[in-house]
Amino acid sequence: MWEQFIAFFTTALLWIYSVVGHNFGIAIILFTILIRVVTWPLTAQQLKGAQAMQELQNDPEWLKIQKKYEKDKEKLAQEQMRIYKERGINPFGSCLPTLVQFPIIIALYQSVIRALATTPLQLLQLARTPWLGKVMTDVAAIIPVNSQFLWMDLARPEGIPFPAGFAIDFLPNGFPTLALIVAATTYIQSKLTMPAPSTKTSGSGQDQSAMMSSMMSIYMPLLLGYFALTFPSGLSVYFITSNLLGIFQYAIQGRANWRNIIPGANKTQ
């Protein structure tokens, strides 16, 4: 079943590639937009969950249990879960879309590698991809795929070469422009959906979901930035496009918490 999933991704990418004039970078961008449209219900759930959590921070009952059980963490957690259940709030709902991205990332990575086949064996395997022959009548006209996009080779990790005579061992491909953009846009997107901390509660009253969201906003940029640094740059194009679309979706709905982007900004409220 996983093999069929990857074959579907590969076929979709190559079909879009054939439509847009054999530009694989544009194909990845358009495919990312398609994925965003398909996964919109999950994004809407994330926005709804983030809004519910933000409203909960100033709820009288919530503030009361924070103060009452401030020194009893176990009882505090029980009371928090009771409120979540009564009000139909999923405390980890804002993290779900991020976790759902992982199988998509893996499938996209493998489909990009397959689409960018270079050896005779890889080209033969690509030509025999299930559904590909049914979707396109002339497969030979699109393979091998043109991997050049802007200054990048989408089949290799991105990097702008350093000046002659200058080298950094852990950056063999040069200055990692895309990796930094991936990390920055991932951080911004994760921070925009985090509820602003209530000014009526102390730091010790922070609940588990808020702590988990805070950790995810640190670990995910580092993880995806590492992927962008070591994997083919085609994956980085997907990350950046997906992040920018997410930021745009939050912004047009008026639910983006821009103050979260600057550390400590909410404390001045």
C-alpha atoms as a PDB file:
ATOM      1  CA  MET A   1       0.000   0.000   0.000  1.00  0.00           C
ATOM      2  CA  TRP A   2       2.890   2.362   0.813  1.00  0.00           C
ATOM      3  CA  GLU A   3       4.412   1.579  -2.570  1.00  0.00           C
ATOM      4  CA  GLN A   4       1.141   2.547  -4.255  1.00  0.00           C
ATOM      5  CA  PHE A   5       1.094   5.799  -2.262  1.00  0.00           C
ATOM      6  CA  ILE A   6       4.578   6.705  -3.493  1.00  0.00           C
ATOM      7  CA  ALA A   7       3.651   5.695  -7.041  1.00  0.00           C
ATOM      8  CA  PHE A   8       0.647   8.031  -6.849  1.00  0.00           C
ATOM      9  CA  PHE A   9       2.872  10.931  -5.718  1.00  0.00           C
ATOM     10  CA  THR A  10       5.393  10.211  -8.453  1.00  0.00           C
ATOM     11  CA  THR A  11       2.703  10.031 -11.126  1.00  0.00           C
ATOM     12  CA  ALA A  12       1.065  13.258  -9.942  1.00  0.00           C
ATOM     13  CA  LEU A  13       4.399  15.091  -9.908  1.00  0.00           C
ATOM     14  CA  LEU A  14       5.347  13.926 -13.376  1.00  0.00           C
ATOM     15  CA  TRP A  15       1.921  14.745 -14.791  1.00  0.00           C
ATOM     16  CA  ILE A  16       2.132  18.311 -13.431  1.00  0.00           C
ATOM     17  CA  TYR A  17       5.732  18.476 -14.700  1.00  0.00           C
ATOM     18  CA  SER A  18       4.528  17.612 -18.214  1.00  0.00           C
ATOM     19  CA  VAL A  19       1.772  20.246 -18.062  1.00  0.00           C
ATOM     20  CA  VAL A  20       3.974  23.159 -16.889  1.00  0.00           C
ATOM     21  CA  GLY A  21       6.597  22.825 -19.585  1.00  0.00           C
ATOM     22  CA  HIS A  22       9.023  20.416 -17.918  1.00  0.00           C
ATOM     23  CA  ASN A  23       9.813  22.628 -14.922  1.00  0.00           C
ATOM     24  CA  PHE A  24      10.158  20.320 -11.935  1.00  0.00           C
ATOM     25  CA  GLY A  25      10.438  23.159  -9.406  1.00  0.00           C
ATOM     26  CA  ILE A  26       7.091  24.610 -10.512  1.00  0.00           C
ATOM     27  CA  ALA A  27       5.644  21.085 -10.457  1.00  0.00           C
ATOM     28  CA  ILE A  28       6.641  20.678  -6.794  1.00  0.00           C
ATOM     29  CA  ILE A  29       5.149  24.079  -5.906  1.00  0.00           C
ATOM     30  CA  LEU A  30       1.834  23.300  -7.634  1.00  0.00           C
ATOM     31  CA  PHE A  31       1.763  19.831  -6.089  1.00  0.00           C
ATOM     32  CA  THR A  32       2.293  21.380  -2.653  1.00  0.00           C
ATOM     33  CA  ILE A  33      -0.644  23.723  -3.231  1.00  0.00           C
ATOM     34  CA  LEU A  34      -2.757  20.701  -4.170  1.00  0.00           C
ATOM     35  CA  ILE A  35      -1.749  18.920  -0.962  1.00  0.00           C
ATOM     36  CA  ARG A  36      -2.646  22.027   1.059  1.00  0.00           C
ATOM     37  CA  VAL A  37      -6.088  22.112  -0.527  1.00  0.00           C
ATOM     38  CA  VAL A  38      -6.676  18.410   0.179  1.00  0.00           C
ATOM     39  CA  THR A  39      -5.501  18.715   3.802  1.00  0.00           C
ATOM     40  CA  TRP A  40      -7.458  21.927   4.424  1.00  0.00           C
ATOM     41  CA  PRO A  41      -9.871  20.177   6.883  1.00  0.00           C
ATOM     42  CA  LEU A  42      -6.878  19.348   9.100  1.00  0.00           C
ATOM     43  CA  THR A  43      -5.637  22.923   8.888  1.00  0.00           C
ATOM     44  CA  ALA A  44      -9.101  24.221   9.776  1.00  0.00           C
ATOM     45  CA  GLN A  45      -9.121  21.873  12.760  1.00  0.00           C
ATOM     46  CA  GLN A  46      -5.733  23.228  13.820  1.00  0.00           C
ATOM     47  CA  LEU A  47      -6.992  26.811  13.605  1.00  0.00           C
ATOM     48  CA  LYS A  48     -10.134  25.935  15.517  1.00  0.00           C
ATOM     49  CA  GLY A  49      -8.147  24.167  18.211  1.00  0.00           C
ATOM     50  CA  ALA A  50      -5.699  27.057  18.562  1.00  0.00           C
ATOM     51  CA  GLN A  51      -8.561  29.553  18.865  1.00  0.00           C
ATOM     52  CA  ALA A  52     -10.316  27.413  21.495  1.00  0.00           C
ATOM     53  CA  MET A  53      -7.103  27.128  23.504  1.00  0.00           C
ATOM     54  CA  GLN A  54      -6.546  30.873  23.327  1.00  0.00           C
ATOM     55  CA  GLU A  55     -10.066  31.611  24.570  1.00  0.00           C
ATOM     56  CA  LEU A  56      -9.621  29.056  27.351  1.00  0.00           C
ATOM     57  CA  GLN A  57      -6.628  30.933  28.784  1.00  0.00           C
ATOM     58  CA  ASN A  58      -8.935  33.700  30.049  1.00  0.00           C
ATOM     59  CA  ASP A  59     -11.883  31.511  31.033  1.00  0.00           C
ATOM     60  CA  PRO A  60     -12.909  32.026  34.710  1.00  0.00           C
ATOM     61  CA  GLU A  61     -13.183  28.303  35.455  1.00  0.00           C
ATOM     62  CA  TRP A  62      -9.813  27.621  33.840  1.00  0.00           C
ATOM     63  CA  LEU A  63      -8.138  30.408  35.826  1.00  0.00           C
ATOM     64  CA  LYS A  64      -9.756  29.138  39.009  1.00  0.00           C
ATOM     65  CA  ILE A  65      -8.346  25.604  38.740  1.00  0.00           C
ATOM     66  CA  GLN A  66      -4.935  26.995  37.738  1.00  0.00           C
ATOM     67  CA  LYS A  67      -4.797  28.900  40.996  1.00  0.00           C
ATOM     68  CA  LYS A  68      -6.473  26.261  43.163  1.00  0.00           C
ATOM     69  CA  TYR A  69      -4.239  23.345  42.096  1.00  0.00           C
ATOM     70  CA  GLU A  70      -1.061  25.275  41.328  1.00  0.00           C
ATOM     71  CA  LYS A  71       0.971  23.079  43.681  1.00  0.00           C
ATOM     72  CA  ASP A  72      -0.802  19.801  42.843  1.00  0.00           C
ATOM     73  CA  LYS A  73       0.275  19.007  39.289  1.00  0.00           C
ATOM     74  CA  GLU A  74      -1.564  15.692  39.125  1.00  0.00           C
ATOM     75  CA  LYS A  75      -4.893  17.158  40.212  1.00  0.00           C
ATOM     76  CA  LEU A  76      -4.356  20.153  37.916  1.00  0.00           C
ATOM     77  CA  ALA A  77      -3.859  17.837  34.932  1.00  0.00           C
ATOM     78  CA  GLN A  78      -7.033  15.911  35.831  1.00  0.00           C
ATOM     79  CA  GLU A  79      -9.089  19.084  36.042  1.00  0.00           C
ATOM     80  CA  GLN A  80      -7.655  20.365  32.770  1.00  0.00           C
ATOM     81  CA  MET A  81      -8.593  17.137  31.005  1.00  0.00           C
ATOM     82  CA  ARG A  82     -12.106  17.373  32.485  1.00  0.00           C
ATOM     83  CA  ILE A  83     -12.568  20.835  30.981  1.00  0.00           C
ATOM     84  CA  TYR A  84     -11.159  19.704  27.659  1.00  0.00           C
ATOM     85  CA  LYS A  85     -13.638  16.818  27.568  1.00  0.00           C
ATOM     86  CA  GLU A  86     -16.624  18.906  28.642  1.00  0.00           C
ATOM     87  CA  ARG A  87     -15.962  21.544  25.982  1.00  0.00           C
ATOM     88  CA  GLY A  88     -14.886  19.196  23.200  1.00  0.00           C
ATOM     89  CA  ILE A  89     -11.356  20.596  22.946  1.00  0.00           C
ATOM     90  CA  ASN A  90      -8.472  18.472  21.720  1.00  0.00           C
ATOM     91  CA  PRO A  91      -5.410  19.853  23.564  1.00  0.00           C
ATOM     92  CA  PHE A  92      -3.065  18.401  20.960  1.00  0.00           C
ATOM     93  CA  GLY A  93      -5.190  19.280  17.935  1.00  0.00           C
ATOM     94  CA  SER A  94      -2.867  22.095  16.884  1.00  0.00           C
ATOM     95  CA  CYS A  95       0.021  19.596  16.607  1.00  0.00           C
ATOM     96  CA  LEU A  96      -1.868  17.037  14.489  1.00  0.00           C
ATOM     97  CA  PRO A  97      -1.374  18.672  11.054  1.00  0.00           C
ATOM     98  CA  THR A  98       2.363  18.922  11.712  1.00  0.00           C
ATOM     99  CA  LEU A  99       2.541  15.215  12.559  1.00  0.00           C
ATOM    100  CA  VAL A 100       0.436  14.306   9.518  1.00  0.00           C
ATOM    101  CA  GLN A 101       3.096  15.985   7.357  1.00  0.00           C
ATOM    102  CA  PHE A 102       5.665  13.300   8.145  1.00  0.00           C
ATOM    103  CA  PRO A 103       4.304  10.510   5.885  1.00  0.00           C
ATOM    104  CA  ILE A 104       3.715  13.139   3.183  1.00  0.00           C
ATOM    105  CA  ILE A 105       7.315  14.355   3.560  1.00  0.00           C
ATOM    106  CA  ILE A 106       8.671  10.799   3.309  1.00  0.00           C
ATOM    107  CA  ALA A 107       6.482   9.980   0.303  1.00  0.00           C
ATOM    108  CA  LEU A 108       7.416  13.232  -1.427  1.00  0.00           C
ATOM    109  CA  TYR A 109      11.118  12.643  -0.764  1.00  0.00           C
ATOM    110  CA  GLN A 110      10.961   9.178  -2.283  1.00  0.00           C
ATOM    111  CA  SER A 111       8.835  10.329  -5.217  1.00  0.00           C
ATOM    112  CA  VAL A 112      11.279  13.194  -5.963  1.00  0.00           C
ATOM    113  CA  ILE A 113      14.192  10.743  -5.883  1.00  0.00           C
ATOM    114  CA  ARG A 114      12.342   8.408  -8.227  1.00  0.00           C
ATOM    115  CA  ALA A 115      11.295  11.173 -10.597  1.00  0.00           C
ATOM    116  CA  LEU A 116      14.876  12.449 -10.790  1.00  0.00           C
ATOM    117  CA  ALA A 117      16.190   9.071 -11.974  1.00  0.00           C
ATOM    118  CA  THR A 118      19.589   9.172 -13.656  1.00  0.00           C
ATOM    119  CA  THR A 119      20.874   5.596 -14.067  1.00  0.00           C
ATOM    120  CA  PRO A 120      19.442   3.263 -16.741  1.00  0.00           C
ATOM    121  CA  LEU A 121      17.944   0.993 -14.059  1.00  0.00           C
ATOM    122  CA  GLN A 122      16.297   3.916 -12.265  1.00  0.00           C
ATOM    123  CA  LEU A 123      14.894   5.241 -15.536  1.00  0.00           C
ATOM    124  CA  LEU A 124      13.466   1.817 -16.340  1.00  0.00           C
ATOM    125  CA  GLN A 125      11.862   1.565 -12.907  1.00  0.00           C
ATOM    126  CA  LEU A 126      10.448   5.073 -13.292  1.00  0.00           C
ATOM    127  CA  ALA A 127       8.947   4.245 -16.686  1.00  0.00           C
ATOM    128  CA  ARG A 128       7.228   1.239 -15.086  1.00  0.00           C
ATOM    129  CA  THR A 129       5.675   3.263 -12.271  1.00  0.00           C
ATOM    130  CA  PRO A 130       2.048   2.104 -11.760  1.00  0.00           C
ATOM    131  CA  TRP A 131      -0.517   4.509 -13.259  1.00  0.00           C
ATOM    132  CA  LEU A 132       2.136   6.533 -15.080  1.00  0.00           C
ATOM    133  CA  GLY A 133       1.496   4.830 -18.403  1.00  0.00           C
ATOM    134  CA  LYS A 134      -2.249   5.201 -17.923  1.00  0.00           C
ATOM    135  CA  VAL A 135      -2.029   8.922 -17.167  1.00  0.00           C
ATOM    136  CA  MET A 136       0.482   9.807 -19.911  1.00  0.00           C
ATOM    137  CA  THR A 137       0.722   8.094 -23.273  1.00  0.00           C
ATOM    138  CA  ASP A 138       4.281   9.226 -24.041  1.00  0.00           C
ATOM    139  CA  VAL A 139       6.319   8.629 -20.886  1.00  0.00           C
ATOM    140  CA  ALA A 140       9.619   8.739 -22.767  1.00  0.00           C
ATOM    141  CA  ALA A 141       8.975  12.394 -23.636  1.00  0.00           C
ATOM    142  CA  ILE A 142       9.313  13.548 -20.016  1.00  0.00           C
ATOM    143  CA  ILE A 143      12.141  11.374 -18.681  1.00  0.00           C
ATOM    144  CA  PRO A 144      14.826  11.942 -17.688  1.00  0.00           C
ATOM    145  CA  VAL A 145      13.432  14.880 -15.725  1.00  0.00           C
ATOM    146  CA  ASN A 146      15.115  18.289 -15.866  1.00  0.00           C
ATOM    147  CA  SER A 147      16.293  18.833 -12.278  1.00  0.00           C
ATOM    148  CA  GLN A 148      17.467  22.454 -12.692  1.00  0.00           C
ATOM    149  CA  PHE A 149      15.350  25.124 -11.003  1.00  0.00           C
ATOM    150  CA  LEU A 150      16.666  28.658 -10.482  1.00  0.00           C
ATOM    151  CA  TRP A 151      20.183  28.194  -9.032  1.00  0.00           C
ATOM    152  CA  MET A 152      19.409  24.722  -7.667  1.00  0.00           C
ATOM    153  CA  ASP A 153      19.785  21.135  -8.714  1.00  0.00           C
ATOM    154  CA  LEU A 154      16.643  19.682  -7.157  1.00  0.00           C
ATOM    155  CA  ALA A 155      18.230  16.243  -6.986  1.00  0.00           C
ATOM    156  CA  ARG A 156      20.956  17.469  -4.612  1.00  0.00           C
ATOM    157  CA  PRO A 157      21.092  19.400  -1.318  1.00  0.00           C
ATOM    158  CA  GLU A 158      21.128  23.153  -1.925  1.00  0.00           C
ATOM    159  CA  GLY A 159      24.013  25.424  -1.117  1.00  0.00           C
ATOM    160  CA  ILE A 160      25.640  28.559  -2.513  1.00  0.00           C
ATOM    161  CA  PRO A 161      29.379  27.896  -2.963  1.00  0.00           C
ATOM    162  CA  PHE A 162      31.737  29.727  -0.633  1.00  0.00           C
ATOM    163  CA  PRO A 163      34.498  31.936  -2.071  1.00  0.00           C
ATOM    164  CA  ALA A 164      37.531  30.035  -3.335  1.00  0.00           C
ATOM    165  CA  GLY A 165      39.763  28.834  -0.535  1.00  0.00           C
ATOM    166  CA  PHE A 166      37.025  29.024   2.112  1.00  0.00           C
ATOM    167  CA  ALA A 167      35.283  25.884   3.343  1.00  0.00           C
ATOM    168  CA  ILE A 168      33.262  24.639   6.318  1.00  0.00           C
ATOM    169  CA  ASP A 169      33.396  20.895   6.981  1.00  0.00           C
ATOM    170  CA  PHE A 170      29.749  20.470   8.020  1.00  0.00           C
ATOM    171  CA  LEU A 171      28.536  22.579   5.072  1.00  0.00           C
ATOM    172  CA  PRO A 172      30.068  20.729   2.102  1.00  0.00           C
ATOM    173  CA  ASN A 173      27.493  22.158  -0.328  1.00  0.00           C
ATOM    174  CA  GLY A 174      28.113  25.791   0.586  1.00  0.00           C
ATOM    175  CA  PHE A 175      25.949  28.378   2.358  1.00  0.00           C
ATOM    176  CA  PRO A 176      22.583  26.657   3.123  1.00  0.00           C
ATOM    177  CA  THR A 177      20.149  29.377   2.004  1.00  0.00           C
ATOM    178  CA  LEU A 178      17.125  27.101   1.664  1.00  0.00           C
ATOM    179  CA  ALA A 179      17.768  25.322   4.973  1.00  0.00           C
ATOM    180  CA  LEU A 180      17.704  28.668   6.796  1.00  0.00           C
ATOM    181  CA  ILE A 181      14.509  29.738   4.996  1.00  0.00           C
ATOM    182  CA  VAL A 182      12.901  26.388   5.820  1.00  0.00           C
ATOM    183  CA  ALA A 183      13.776  26.734   9.516  1.00  0.00           C
ATOM    184  CA  ALA A 184      12.597  30.378   9.639  1.00  0.00           C
ATOM    185  CA  THR A 185       9.251  29.787   7.897  1.00  0.00           C
ATOM    186  CA  THR A 186       8.593  26.658   9.982  1.00  0.00           C
ATOM    187  CA  TYR A 187       9.225  28.645  13.164  1.00  0.00           C
ATOM    188  CA  ILE A 188       6.953  31.498  12.055  1.00  0.00           C
ATOM    189  CA  GLN A 189       4.142  29.143  11.059  1.00  0.00           C
ATOM    190  CA  SER A 190       4.255  27.196  14.336  1.00  0.00           C
ATOM    191  CA  LYS A 191       4.370  30.375  16.411  1.00  0.00           C
ATOM    192  CA  LEU A 192       1.432  31.993  14.606  1.00  0.00           C
ATOM    193  CA  THR A 193      -0.932  29.229  15.717  1.00  0.00           C
ATOM    194  CA  MET A 194       0.154  29.151  19.348  1.00  0.00           C
ATOM    195  CA  PRO A 195      -2.292  30.805  21.756  1.00  0.00           C
ATOM    196  CA  ALA A 196      -0.981  33.858  23.541  1.00  0.00           C
ATOM    197  CA  PRO A 197      -0.258  33.071  27.200  1.00  0.00           C
ATOM    198  CA  SER A 198      -2.758  34.508  29.594  1.00  0.00           C
ATOM    199  CA  THR A 199      -1.575  37.456  31.656  1.00  0.00           C
ATOM    200  CA  LYS A 200      -3.736  36.175  34.526  1.00  0.00           C
ATOM    201  CA  THR A 201      -1.864  32.939  35.063  1.00  0.00           C
ATOM    202  CA  SER A 202       1.622  32.306  36.288  1.00  0.00           C
ATOM    203  CA  GLY A 203       4.220  30.345  34.410  1.00  0.00           C
ATOM    204  CA  SER A 204       3.752  27.412  36.802  1.00  0.00           C
ATOM    205  CA  GLY A 205       0.184  27.106  35.638  1.00  0.00           C
ATOM    206  CA  GLN A 206       1.136  26.408  32.053  1.00  0.00           C
ATOM    207  CA  ASP A 207      -0.681  23.279  30.857  1.00  0.00           C
ATOM    208  CA  GLN A 208       0.767  20.313  28.982  1.00  0.00           C
ATOM    209  CA  SER A 209      -0.604  21.264  25.576  1.00  0.00           C
ATOM    210  CA  ALA A 210       0.984  24.722  25.767  1.00  0.00           C
ATOM    211  CA  MET A 211       4.333  23.188  26.719  1.00  0.00           C
ATOM    212  CA  MET A 212       4.095  20.660  23.900  1.00  0.00           C
ATOM    213  CA  SER A 213       3.270  23.400  21.369  1.00  0.00           C
ATOM    214  CA  SER A 214       6.222  25.426  22.643  1.00  0.00           C
ATOM    215  CA  MET A 215       8.599  22.471  22.244  1.00  0.00           C
ATOM    216  CA  MET A 216       7.272  21.717  18.757  1.00  0.00           C
ATOM    217  CA  SER A 217       7.920  25.322  17.721  1.00  0.00           C
ATOM    218  CA  ILE A 218      11.605  24.761  18.580  1.00  0.00           C
ATOM    219  CA  TYR A 219      12.186  21.186  17.467  1.00  0.00           C
ATOM    220  CA  MET A 220      10.294  21.272  14.154  1.00  0.00           C
ATOM    221  CA  PRO A 221      12.302  24.175  12.629  1.00  0.00           C
ATOM    222  CA  LEU A 222      15.536  22.422  13.613  1.00  0.00           C
ATOM    223  CA  LEU A 223      14.366  19.061  12.274  1.00  0.00           C
ATOM    224  CA  LEU A 224      13.046  20.354   8.956  1.00  0.00           C
ATOM    225  CA  GLY A 225      16.075  22.621   8.617  1.00  0.00           C
ATOM    226  CA  TYR A 226      18.283  19.539   9.001  1.00  0.00           C
ATOM    227  CA  PHE A 227      16.240  17.709   6.353  1.00  0.00           C
ATOM    228  CA  ALA A 228      16.679  20.694   4.012  1.00  0.00           C
ATOM    229  CA  LEU A 229      20.415  20.672   4.693  1.00  0.00           C
ATOM    230  CA  THR A 230      20.958  16.986   3.918  1.00  0.00           C
ATOM    231  CA  PHE A 231      18.174  15.912   1.528  1.00  0.00           C
ATOM    232  CA  PRO A 232      17.594  16.939  -2.137  1.00  0.00           C
ATOM    233  CA  SER A 233      16.579  20.578  -2.466  1.00  0.00           C
ATOM    234  CA  GLY A 234      13.307  19.544  -4.107  1.00  0.00           C
ATOM    235  CA  LEU A 235      12.139  18.705  -0.584  1.00  0.00           C
ATOM    236  CA  SER A 236      13.138  22.191   0.600  1.00  0.00           C
ATOM    237  CA  VAL A 237      10.980  23.738  -2.136  1.00  0.00           C
ATOM    238  CA  TYR A 238       8.062  21.729  -0.743  1.00  0.00           C
ATOM    239  CA  PHE A 239       8.772  22.821   2.861  1.00  0.00           C
ATOM    240  CA  ILE A 240       8.985  26.516   2.008  1.00  0.00           C
ATOM    241  CA  THR A 241       5.911  26.508  -0.209  1.00  0.00           C
ATOM    242  CA  SER A 242       3.883  24.614   2.386  1.00  0.00           C
ATOM    243  CA  ASN A 243       4.975  26.949   5.192  1.00  0.00           C
ATOM    244  CA  LEU A 244       4.207  30.110   3.227  1.00  0.00           C
ATOM    245  CA  LEU A 245       0.775  28.774   2.292  1.00  0.00           C
ATOM    246  CA  GLY A 246       0.117  27.961   5.945  1.00  0.00           C
ATOM    247  CA  ILE A 247       1.140  31.441   7.071  1.00  0.00           C
ATOM    248  CA  PHE A 248      -1.106  32.941   4.374  1.00  0.00           C
ATOM    249  CA  GLN A 249      -4.059  30.790   5.457  1.00  0.00           C
ATOM    250  CA  TYR A 250      -3.715  31.869   9.100  1.00  0.00           C
ATOM    251  CA  ALA A 251      -3.293  35.523   8.144  1.00  0.00           C
ATOM    252  CA  ILE A 252      -6.345  35.812   5.860  1.00  0.00           C
ATOM    253  CA  GLN A 253      -8.534  34.295   8.579  1.00  0.00           C
ATOM    254  CA  GLY A 254      -7.310  36.836  11.114  1.00  0.00           C
ATOM    255  CA  ARG A 255      -6.173  34.105  13.513  1.00  0.00           C
ATOM    256  CA  ALA A 256      -2.441  34.613  13.238  1.00  0.00           C
ATOM    257  CA  ASN A 257      -0.887  35.592  16.568  1.00  0.00           C
ATOM    258  CA  TRP A 258       1.927  37.778  15.240  1.00  0.00           C
ATOM    259  CA  ARG A 259       3.154  38.739  18.729  1.00  0.00           C
ATOM    260  CA  ASN A 260       4.258  35.153  19.307  1.00  0.00           C
ATOM    261  CA  ILE A 261       7.007  35.477  16.694  1.00  0.00           C
ATOM    262  CA  ILE A 262       9.099  37.798  18.853  1.00  0.00           C
ATOM    263  CA  PRO A 263      10.239  36.054  22.057  1.00  0.00           C
ATOM    264  CA  GLY A 264       8.819  37.798  25.122  1.00  0.00           C
ATOM    265  CA  ALA A 265       6.523  40.119  23.176  1.00  0.00           C
ATOM    266  CA  ASN A 266       3.377  38.742  24.818  1.00  0.00           C
ATOM    267  CA  LYS A 267       4.760  39.451  28.250  1.00  0.00           C
ATOM    268  CA  THR A 268       4.436  43.148  27.623  1.00  0.00           C
ATOM    269  CA  GLN A 269       0.666  42.936  27.178  1.00  0.00           C
END
